[in-house]
Protein backbone atom coordinates (compact mmCIF):
# COMPACT_ATOMS: atom_id res chain seq x y z
CA MET A 1 0.00 0.00 0.00
CA SER A 2 1.33 3.44 -0.89
CA THR A 3 1.85 6.21 1.64
CA PRO A 4 -1.33 8.29 2.04
CA ILE A 5 -1.06 11.84 0.77
CA LEU A 6 -2.96 15.08 1.07
CA HIS A 7 -2.57 17.77 -1.59
CA ILE A 8 -2.66 21.50 -0.78
CA SER A 9 -3.42 23.98 -3.55
CA ASP A 10 -1.38 27.16 -3.92
CA SER A 11 -4.35 29.30 -2.88
CA ALA A 12 -4.97 27.14 0.21
CA ALA A 13 -1.28 27.26 1.17
CA THR A 14 -1.25 31.05 0.88
CA ARG A 15 -4.40 31.42 3.01
CA ILE A 16 -3.28 28.88 5.62
CA ALA A 17 0.13 30.58 5.98
CA HIS A 18 -1.61 33.95 6.35
CA LEU A 19 -4.00 32.64 9.02
CA LEU A 20 -1.22 30.83 10.89
CA GLY A 21 0.44 34.23 11.30
CA THR A 22 -2.39 35.21 13.66
CA GLU A 23 -2.28 31.98 15.71
CA PRO A 24 0.00 31.00 18.62
CA GLU A 25 3.51 29.99 17.60
CA GLY A 26 3.77 26.35 16.54
CA SER A 27 0.13 26.15 15.42
CA LYS A 28 -0.86 24.01 12.47
CA LEU A 29 -4.13 23.63 10.60
CA ARG A 30 -5.66 20.34 11.74
CA VAL A 31 -8.06 18.71 9.30
CA SER A 32 -10.08 15.77 10.54
CA VAL A 33 -13.07 13.70 9.58
CA LEU A 34 -15.83 13.28 12.14
CA GLY A 35 -18.93 11.13 12.11
CA GLY A 36 -22.15 13.00 11.46
CA GLY A 37 -23.35 15.58 9.01
CA CYS A 38 -26.11 15.02 6.50
CA SER A 39 -24.11 12.52 4.43
CA GLY A 40 -22.38 10.45 7.14
CA PHE A 41 -19.01 12.16 7.66
CA GLN A 42 -18.05 15.79 8.02
CA TYR A 43 -14.83 17.74 7.63
CA HIS A 44 -13.50 19.61 10.65
CA PHE A 45 -10.89 22.40 10.52
CA GLU A 46 -9.13 23.93 13.52
CA PHE A 47 -5.86 25.64 14.34
CA ASP A 48 -4.00 23.44 16.79
CA PRO A 49 -0.98 24.67 18.80
CA LYS A 50 -0.44 21.31 20.57
CA PRO A 51 2.50 19.02 19.72
CA LEU A 52 1.86 16.31 17.15
CA ALA A 53 0.27 13.07 18.36
CA GLU A 54 1.88 9.74 17.53
CA ASP A 55 -0.64 9.03 14.74
CA ASP A 56 -0.47 12.50 13.14
CA LYS A 57 0.93 13.12 9.67
CA ILE A 58 2.04 16.58 8.64
CA PHE A 59 1.82 17.98 5.13
CA GLU A 60 3.49 21.24 4.19
CA LYS A 61 3.45 23.57 1.23
CA SER A 62 4.96 27.07 1.08
CA GLY A 63 5.06 27.44 4.87
CA ALA A 64 1.51 26.15 5.40
CA GLN A 65 1.37 23.16 7.74
CA VAL A 66 -1.62 20.82 7.72
CA VAL A 67 -1.93 17.96 10.21
CA VAL A 68 -4.16 14.93 9.74
CA ASP A 69 -4.52 11.92 12.05
CA ASP A 70 -4.16 8.42 10.54
CA THR A 71 -7.87 7.57 10.81
CA SER A 72 -8.97 10.76 9.04
CA LEU A 73 -6.22 10.37 6.44
CA GLU A 74 -7.71 7.05 5.35
CA LEU A 75 -10.84 8.98 4.30
CA LEU A 76 -8.88 11.95 2.92
CA ASN A 77 -6.19 10.10 0.97
CA GLU A 78 -5.45 11.82 -2.37
CA SER A 79 -7.78 14.72 -1.47
CA MET A 80 -7.02 18.32 -2.36
CA ILE A 81 -7.48 21.15 0.12
CA ASP A 82 -8.32 24.28 -1.83
CA TYR A 83 -9.28 27.82 -0.89
CA ILE A 84 -12.04 29.30 -3.01
CA GLU A 85 -13.02 32.97 -3.16
CA THR A 86 -16.19 33.96 -4.96
CA LEU A 87 -18.20 37.15 -5.05
CA GLY A 88 -20.36 35.99 -2.13
CA ALA A 89 -18.07 33.78 -0.02
CA ALA A 90 -14.60 32.52 0.75
CA ALA A 91 -13.91 29.09 2.24
CA PHE A 92 -11.67 26.07 2.32
CA GLU A 93 -12.92 23.23 0.16
CA ILE A 94 -11.88 19.60 0.12
CA LYS A 95 -11.97 17.79 -3.20
CA ASN A 96 -12.15 14.18 -2.08
CA PRO A 97 -11.94 11.46 -4.76
CA GLN A 98 -13.23 8.88 -2.25
CA ALA A 99 -16.50 10.73 -1.60
CA THR A 100 -19.43 9.05 -3.33
CA ALA A 101 -21.97 11.66 -2.21
CA SER A 102 -21.92 15.02 -0.49
CA CYS A 103 -24.40 17.51 0.88
CA GLY A 104 -25.15 20.88 -0.67
CA CYS A 105 -22.82 22.78 1.65
CA GLY A 106 -19.83 20.53 0.82
CA ASN A 107 -18.92 19.93 4.48
CA SER A 108 -20.49 16.49 4.68
CA PHE A 109 -19.78 13.41 2.57
CA SER A 110 -20.19 9.64 2.35
CA VAL A 111 -17.99 6.86 0.96
CA ALA A 112 -18.94 3.50 -0.51
């Protein structure tokens, strides 16, 4: 089995690095998958200043650090974290090739 990977777009890396500048030193963006949401699983984002746990994997691009635990990474493998700005909103978006369905807001998904 290949090593799980999480991709970070240039726009997401720029935004994450900018936001990390306002967080306590040593903080990283933690992305996790939680049970719940309208489609079964939901994405959770938080800035985490704590040291890495034993099962954490860190991904970095252009100074932006993203941490994902092993369990969440199984559901996020080969996903792309992007940052989208439109006329009416700006948000992080996860493009997950494993998701077989998602809700309208894009924060909840299911897998087969």
